[in-house]
Amino acid sequence: MFVHSARIELRLPSRSLKGKRGIVKSILARSRNLFNVSSAEVELQDVLDRAVLGFVTVTESRNAGRRTMERLEDWIAEERPDVEIVGVELEER
């Protein structure tokens, strides 16, 4: 069993916490459905134009988990061109 996690920091085009919440909730919900990952906003909850999202998946294969996290990062970049990915940290256990 392999546990893969990703910490993705984003710069958002939001001007209010309500706007930020809409963007973050959309990304989290769709990523859960498309990639079968657990996800949450893990840092910077009170900062209007930044978000740190955490994702985790458990797989039988080391390669499958890593590919899932890489595809997730690519999907965010393609699906939300208005959101800038500032940093990504991938971890495997």
N, C-alpha and C. Protein backbone atom coordinates (compact mmCIF):
# COMPACT_ATOMS: atom_id res chain seq x y z
N MET A 1 0.85 -1.17 0.00
CA MET A 1 0.00 0.00 0.00
C MET A 1 0.89 1.24 0.00
N PHE A 2 0.53 2.21 -0.83
CA PHE A 2 1.28 3.45 -0.95
C PHE A 2 0.34 4.64 -0.74
N VAL A 3 0.79 5.59 0.06
CA VAL A 3 0.01 6.81 0.31
C VAL A 3 0.75 7.96 -0.36
N HIS A 4 0.05 8.65 -1.23
CA HIS A 4 0.61 9.80 -1.94
C HIS A 4 -0.16 11.05 -1.55
N SER A 5 0.57 12.11 -1.30
CA SER A 5 -0.08 13.38 -0.97
C SER A 5 0.51 14.50 -1.81
N ALA A 6 -0.30 15.51 -2.00
CA ALA A 6 0.13 16.71 -2.73
C ALA A 6 -0.33 17.93 -1.96
N ARG A 7 0.56 18.89 -1.84
CA ARG A 7 0.23 20.19 -1.26
C ARG A 7 0.40 21.19 -2.39
N ILE A 8 -0.71 21.80 -2.80
CA ILE A 8 -0.69 22.70 -3.95
C ILE A 8 -1.09 24.10 -3.50
N GLU A 9 -0.17 25.04 -3.70
CA GLU A 9 -0.43 26.44 -3.34
C GLU A 9 -0.89 27.19 -4.58
N LEU A 10 -1.97 27.94 -4.43
CA LEU A 10 -2.58 28.64 -5.56
C LEU A 10 -2.68 30.14 -5.30
N ARG A 11 -2.58 30.91 -6.35
CA ARG A 11 -2.91 32.34 -6.33
C ARG A 11 -4.24 32.47 -7.04
N LEU A 12 -5.21 33.08 -6.38
CA LEU A 12 -6.59 33.13 -6.87
C LEU A 12 -6.98 34.54 -7.32
N PRO A 13 -7.91 34.63 -8.28
CA PRO A 13 -8.38 35.94 -8.74
C PRO A 13 -9.57 36.44 -7.92
N SER A 14 -9.61 36.15 -6.63
CA SER A 14 -10.77 36.52 -5.81
C SER A 14 -10.54 37.83 -5.07
N ARG A 15 -11.62 38.54 -4.85
CA ARG A 15 -11.59 39.82 -4.13
C ARG A 15 -12.33 39.74 -2.80
N SER A 16 -12.91 38.56 -2.51
CA SER A 16 -13.64 38.38 -1.25
C SER A 16 -13.51 36.93 -0.81
N LEU A 17 -13.79 36.68 0.46
CA LEU A 17 -13.75 35.30 0.96
C LEU A 17 -14.84 34.47 0.30
N LYS A 18 -15.96 35.09 -0.03
CA LYS A 18 -17.03 34.35 -0.72
C LYS A 18 -16.57 33.91 -2.11
N GLY A 19 -15.89 34.78 -2.83
CA GLY A 19 -15.36 34.43 -4.14
C GLY A 19 -14.30 33.34 -4.04
N LYS A 20 -13.43 33.46 -3.04
CA LYS A 20 -12.41 32.44 -2.82
C LYS A 20 -13.05 31.10 -2.52
N ARG A 21 -14.04 31.11 -1.65
CA ARG A 21 -14.72 29.87 -1.25
C ARG A 21 -15.33 29.16 -2.46
N GLY A 22 -15.90 29.93 -3.38
CA GLY A 22 -16.49 29.34 -4.58
C GLY A 22 -15.45 28.63 -5.45
N ILE A 23 -14.30 29.26 -5.62
CA ILE A 23 -13.23 28.66 -6.42
C ILE A 23 -12.69 27.41 -5.74
N VAL A 24 -12.38 27.53 -4.46
CA VAL A 24 -11.79 26.41 -3.72
C VAL A 24 -12.75 25.22 -3.65
N LYS A 25 -14.00 25.48 -3.32
CA LYS A 25 -14.98 24.38 -3.22
C LYS A 25 -15.16 23.67 -4.56
N SER A 26 -15.15 24.43 -5.64
CA SER A 26 -15.28 23.84 -6.97
C SER A 26 -14.11 22.91 -7.27
N ILE A 27 -12.90 23.38 -7.03
CA ILE A 27 -11.71 22.56 -7.29
C ILE A 27 -11.72 21.30 -6.42
N LEU A 28 -12.03 21.45 -5.14
CA LEU A 28 -12.02 20.30 -4.23
C LEU A 28 -13.07 19.27 -4.63
N ALA A 29 -14.29 19.70 -4.89
CA ALA A 29 -15.37 18.77 -5.22
C ALA A 29 -15.09 18.03 -6.53
N ARG A 30 -14.67 18.76 -7.55
CA ARG A 30 -14.43 18.12 -8.85
C ARG A 30 -13.23 17.19 -8.80
N SER A 31 -12.21 17.55 -8.03
CA SER A 31 -11.04 16.67 -7.92
C SER A 31 -11.40 15.37 -7.21
N ARG A 32 -12.26 15.44 -6.21
CA ARG A 32 -12.71 14.22 -5.53
C ARG A 32 -13.42 13.29 -6.50
N ASN A 33 -14.28 13.86 -7.32
CA ASN A 33 -15.04 13.05 -8.27
C ASN A 33 -14.18 12.50 -9.40
N LEU A 34 -13.29 13.31 -9.94
CA LEU A 34 -12.50 12.89 -11.10
C LEU A 34 -11.32 11.98 -10.76
N PHE A 35 -10.70 12.20 -9.60
CA PHE A 35 -9.45 11.50 -9.29
C PHE A 35 -9.55 10.58 -8.08
N ASN A 36 -10.71 10.52 -7.44
CA ASN A 36 -10.90 9.67 -6.27
C ASN A 36 -9.85 9.95 -5.19
N VAL A 37 -9.70 11.22 -4.85
CA VAL A 37 -8.75 11.65 -3.82
C VAL A 37 -9.52 12.30 -2.68
N SER A 38 -8.91 12.33 -1.52
CA SER A 38 -9.43 13.13 -0.41
C SER A 38 -8.77 14.49 -0.51
N SER A 39 -9.50 15.53 -0.15
CA SER A 39 -8.93 16.87 -0.33
C SER A 39 -9.51 17.84 0.68
N ALA A 40 -8.73 18.91 0.95
CA ALA A 40 -9.17 19.95 1.87
C ALA A 40 -8.31 21.19 1.66
N GLU A 41 -8.85 22.34 2.06
CA GLU A 41 -8.04 23.55 2.13
C GLU A 41 -7.29 23.47 3.45
N VAL A 42 -5.97 23.50 3.41
CA VAL A 42 -5.18 23.21 4.60
C VAL A 42 -4.45 24.40 5.21
N GLU A 43 -4.32 25.49 4.47
CA GLU A 43 -3.65 26.70 4.99
C GLU A 43 -4.23 27.94 4.32
N LEU A 44 -3.92 29.09 4.91
CA LEU A 44 -4.27 30.41 4.35
C LEU A 44 -5.77 30.60 4.16
N GLN A 45 -6.57 30.05 5.06
CA GLN A 45 -8.02 30.15 4.91
C GLN A 45 -8.53 31.60 4.92
N ASP A 46 -7.86 32.49 5.60
CA ASP A 46 -8.33 33.88 5.70
C ASP A 46 -7.66 34.84 4.72
N VAL A 47 -6.84 34.32 3.84
CA VAL A 47 -6.17 35.15 2.83
C VAL A 47 -7.01 35.11 1.55
N LEU A 48 -7.40 36.29 1.06
CA LEU A 48 -8.34 36.37 -0.06
C LEU A 48 -7.83 35.80 -1.37
N ASP A 49 -6.57 36.04 -1.67
CA ASP A 49 -6.08 35.69 -3.01
C ASP A 49 -5.11 34.52 -3.03
N ARG A 50 -5.04 33.75 -1.95
CA ARG A 50 -4.16 32.59 -1.89
C ARG A 50 -4.89 31.42 -1.23
N ALA A 51 -4.52 30.21 -1.62
CA ALA A 51 -5.08 29.01 -1.00
C ALA A 51 -4.03 27.91 -1.06
N VAL A 52 -4.03 27.07 -0.05
CA VAL A 52 -3.20 25.88 -0.05
C VAL A 52 -4.14 24.70 0.08
N LEU A 53 -4.11 23.83 -0.93
CA LEU A 53 -4.99 22.67 -0.95
C LEU A 53 -4.17 21.41 -0.75
N GLY A 54 -4.72 20.48 0.04
CA GLY A 54 -4.06 19.21 0.27
C GLY A 54 -4.87 18.09 -0.35
N PHE A 55 -4.19 17.15 -0.99
CA PHE A 55 -4.83 16.01 -1.63
C PHE A 55 -4.10 14.75 -1.19
N VAL A 56 -4.83 13.65 -1.05
CA VAL A 56 -4.20 12.38 -0.69
C VAL A 56 -4.95 11.22 -1.35
N THR A 57 -4.18 10.19 -1.72
CA THR A 57 -4.76 8.99 -2.29
C THR A 57 -3.95 7.78 -1.80
N VAL A 58 -4.61 6.64 -1.72
CA VAL A 58 -3.97 5.39 -1.33
C VAL A 58 -4.10 4.43 -2.51
N THR A 59 -2.96 3.84 -2.91
CA THR A 59 -2.97 2.94 -4.07
C THR A 59 -2.15 1.68 -3.78
N GLU A 60 -2.35 0.70 -4.62
CA GLU A 60 -1.55 -0.53 -4.55
C GLU A 60 -0.18 -0.33 -5.18
N SER A 61 -0.12 0.58 -6.13
CA SER A 61 1.08 0.76 -6.93
C SER A 61 1.69 2.14 -6.69
N ARG A 62 2.99 2.17 -6.54
CA ARG A 62 3.70 3.44 -6.35
C ARG A 62 3.50 4.35 -7.56
N ASN A 63 3.59 3.79 -8.76
CA ASN A 63 3.46 4.59 -9.98
C ASN A 63 2.05 5.14 -10.16
N ALA A 64 1.04 4.36 -9.83
CA ALA A 64 -0.35 4.80 -10.01
C ALA A 64 -0.65 6.02 -9.14
N GLY A 65 -0.21 6.00 -7.91
CA GLY A 65 -0.44 7.14 -7.01
C GLY A 65 0.28 8.39 -7.48
N ARG A 66 1.50 8.23 -7.91
CA ARG A 66 2.27 9.38 -8.40
C ARG A 66 1.63 9.96 -9.66
N ARG A 67 1.21 9.10 -10.57
CA ARG A 67 0.54 9.57 -11.80
C ARG A 67 -0.75 10.31 -11.46
N THR A 68 -1.51 9.80 -10.49
CA THR A 68 -2.75 10.46 -10.11
C THR A 68 -2.48 11.89 -9.64
N MET A 69 -1.47 12.07 -8.80
CA MET A 69 -1.16 13.40 -8.29
C MET A 69 -0.65 14.32 -9.40
N GLU A 70 0.13 13.79 -10.32
CA GLU A 70 0.62 14.60 -11.44
C GLU A 70 -0.53 14.99 -12.37
N ARG A 71 -1.44 14.06 -12.63
CA ARG A 71 -2.60 14.36 -13.47
C ARG A 71 -3.49 15.40 -12.80
N LEU A 72 -3.62 15.32 -11.48
CA LEU A 72 -4.42 16.29 -10.73
C LEU A 72 -3.84 17.69 -10.89
N GLU A 73 -2.54 17.83 -10.76
CA GLU A 73 -1.89 19.12 -10.95
C GLU A 73 -2.13 19.66 -12.36
N ASP A 74 -1.96 18.81 -13.36
CA ASP A 74 -2.19 19.21 -14.75
C ASP A 74 -3.64 19.62 -14.96
N TRP A 75 -4.57 18.89 -14.37
CA TRP A 75 -5.99 19.18 -14.51
C TRP A 75 -6.33 20.56 -13.94
N ILE A 76 -5.78 20.89 -12.76
CA ILE A 76 -6.04 22.20 -12.17
C ILE A 76 -5.55 23.30 -13.12
N ALA A 77 -4.35 23.13 -13.67
CA ALA A 77 -3.78 24.14 -14.58
C ALA A 77 -4.64 24.30 -15.83
N GLU A 78 -5.16 23.20 -16.36
CA GLU A 78 -5.98 23.27 -17.58
C GLU A 78 -7.40 23.74 -17.30
N GLU A 79 -7.98 23.24 -16.23
CA GLU A 79 -9.39 23.53 -15.91
C GLU A 79 -9.59 24.96 -15.42
N ARG A 80 -8.61 25.48 -14.71
CA ARG A 80 -8.73 26.82 -14.11
C ARG A 80 -7.56 27.70 -14.54
N PRO A 81 -7.58 28.20 -15.79
CA PRO A 81 -6.48 29.05 -16.25
C PRO A 81 -6.39 30.38 -15.49
N ASP A 82 -7.47 30.75 -14.79
CA ASP A 82 -7.47 31.98 -14.00
C ASP A 82 -6.74 31.81 -12.67
N VAL A 83 -6.43 30.57 -12.30
CA VAL A 83 -5.76 30.26 -11.05
C VAL A 83 -4.30 29.92 -11.35
N GLU A 84 -3.38 30.56 -10.63
CA GLU A 84 -1.95 30.30 -10.84
C GLU A 84 -1.45 29.32 -9.79
N ILE A 85 -0.79 28.27 -10.24
CA ILE A 85 -0.17 27.32 -9.32
C ILE A 85 1.19 27.90 -8.92
N VAL A 86 1.31 28.23 -7.64
CA VAL A 86 2.52 28.86 -7.13
C VAL A 86 3.55 27.82 -6.70
N GLY A 87 3.08 26.72 -6.12
CA GLY A 87 4.00 25.69 -5.67
C GLY A 87 3.31 24.35 -5.49
N VAL A 88 4.07 23.28 -5.67
CA VAL A 88 3.55 21.93 -5.52
C VAL A 88 4.57 21.10 -4.75
N GLU A 89 4.10 20.39 -3.73
CA GLU A 89 4.95 19.45 -3.00
C GLU A 89 4.28 18.09 -3.05
N LEU A 90 4.95 17.10 -3.59
CA LEU A 90 4.46 15.74 -3.64
C LEU A 90 5.21 14.91 -2.62
N GLU A 91 4.49 14.01 -1.96
CA GLU A 91 5.11 13.16 -0.96
C GLU A 91 4.54 11.75 -1.07
N GLU A 92 5.37 10.78 -0.79
CA GLU A 92 4.95 9.38 -0.85
C GLU A 92 5.39 8.68 0.43
N ARG A 93 4.49 7.84 0.94
CA ARG A 93 4.82 7.05 2.15
C ARG A 93 4.46 5.62 1.92
